[in-house]
């Protein structure tokens, strides 16, 4: 069962919720969580095979440079976000 984990705040990216992440899940960084993309340490401990995505508009709204993001992060529009929710068996929102 694949899960889309919507992370709303960067401080939610800690070891307490990593236990819920599994291979083939997707982490979607939205709202304030996108600032974590500028800090590599949050990625330590990610399960093998987990995908990372972020809302492009939230990155732009926070003045983060799009050209300096990790290459394996998929940037999504709001329409892409809706499609992603449909592709997963369940959605968990961590706010």
Protein backbone atom coordinates (compact mmCIF):
# COMPACT_ATOMS: atom_id res chain seq x y z
CA UNK A 1 0.00 0.00 0.00
CA UNK A 2 1.57 3.29 -1.10
CA UNK A 3 1.22 6.38 1.04
CA UNK A 4 1.56 10.05 0.22
CA UNK A 5 2.97 11.84 3.28
CA UNK A 6 2.16 15.55 3.11
CA UNK A 7 4.59 17.41 5.35
CA UNK A 8 3.46 20.95 6.25
CA UNK A 9 6.26 22.11 8.56
CA UNK A 10 10.01 21.53 8.41
CA UNK A 11 10.14 20.65 12.11
CA UNK A 12 7.98 17.59 11.36
CA UNK A 13 10.89 16.04 9.44
CA UNK A 14 12.34 14.19 12.40
CA UNK A 15 12.95 10.65 13.54
CA UNK A 16 9.50 10.41 15.17
CA UNK A 17 7.73 10.17 11.83
CA UNK A 18 10.42 8.41 9.79
CA UNK A 19 9.13 5.14 11.25
CA UNK A 20 5.95 5.59 9.20
CA UNK A 21 7.76 6.00 5.87
CA UNK A 22 8.29 2.99 3.63
CA UNK A 23 9.82 2.25 0.25
CA UNK A 24 7.51 3.32 -2.59
CA UNK A 25 5.93 6.05 -0.45
CA UNK A 26 6.15 9.70 -1.48
CA UNK A 27 7.01 12.65 0.76
CA UNK A 28 5.41 15.86 -0.40
CA UNK A 29 6.87 18.99 1.16
CA UNK A 30 4.34 21.81 1.24
CA UNK A 31 3.96 25.17 2.96
CA UNK A 32 6.81 25.77 5.44
CA UNK A 33 8.27 22.29 5.01
CA UNK A 34 9.85 23.30 1.70
CA UNK A 35 12.60 25.18 3.55
CA UNK A 36 14.00 21.78 4.54
CA UNK A 37 15.18 21.42 0.94
CA UNK A 38 17.99 23.85 1.75
CA UNK A 39 19.31 21.57 4.53
CA UNK A 40 20.66 18.15 3.58
CA UNK A 41 20.57 16.62 7.07
CA UNK A 42 16.82 15.95 7.09
CA UNK A 43 17.31 13.37 4.34
CA UNK A 44 19.40 11.10 6.57
CA UNK A 45 17.47 7.98 7.39
CA UNK A 46 15.08 8.12 4.45
CA UNK A 47 14.06 4.61 3.44
CA UNK A 48 15.45 3.30 0.15
CA UNK A 49 13.02 3.88 -2.70
CA UNK A 50 11.10 6.76 -1.13
CA UNK A 51 10.29 9.63 -3.49
CA UNK A 52 10.46 13.30 -2.53
CA UNK A 53 8.36 16.03 -4.12
CA UNK A 54 7.64 19.67 -3.28
CA UNK A 55 5.10 22.26 -4.33
CA UNK A 56 6.82 24.68 -6.67
CA UNK A 57 4.60 27.63 -5.69
CA UNK A 58 5.48 27.16 -2.01
CA UNK A 59 9.19 27.17 -2.85
CA UNK A 60 8.82 30.36 -4.88
CA UNK A 61 6.68 32.01 -2.18
CA UNK A 62 9.50 31.51 0.31
CA UNK A 63 12.14 32.93 -2.01
CA UNK A 64 14.08 29.69 -2.33
CA UNK A 65 16.18 29.24 -5.48
CA UNK A 66 14.74 26.58 -7.77
CA UNK A 67 18.12 25.90 -9.37
CA UNK A 68 19.76 24.90 -6.09
CA UNK A 69 17.42 22.07 -5.03
CA UNK A 70 18.39 18.40 -4.81
CA UNK A 71 18.06 16.88 -8.27
CA UNK A 72 15.92 13.98 -7.11
CA UNK A 73 13.16 16.29 -5.80
CA UNK A 74 10.18 16.53 -8.13
CA UNK A 75 8.60 19.98 -8.33
CA UNK A 76 4.81 19.90 -8.54
CA UNK A 77 2.06 22.27 -9.55
CA UNK A 78 -1.25 22.21 -7.69
CA UNK A 79 -2.68 20.06 -10.50
CA UNK A 80 0.23 17.63 -10.14
CA UNK A 81 -0.52 17.48 -6.39
CA UNK A 82 -4.11 16.43 -7.02
CA UNK A 83 -2.95 13.75 -9.46
CA UNK A 84 -0.42 12.49 -6.90
CA UNK A 85 -3.13 12.03 -4.26
CA UNK A 86 -5.11 9.87 -6.69
CA UNK A 87 -2.05 7.71 -7.46
CA UNK A 88 -1.56 6.69 -3.81
CA UNK A 89 -3.63 4.32 -1.71
CA UNK A 90 -3.76 6.72 1.22
CA UNK A 91 -2.70 10.23 2.20
CA UNK A 92 -1.31 11.22 5.60
CA UNK A 93 -0.98 14.89 6.47
CA UNK A 94 1.71 15.83 9.00
CA UNK A 95 1.03 19.39 10.19
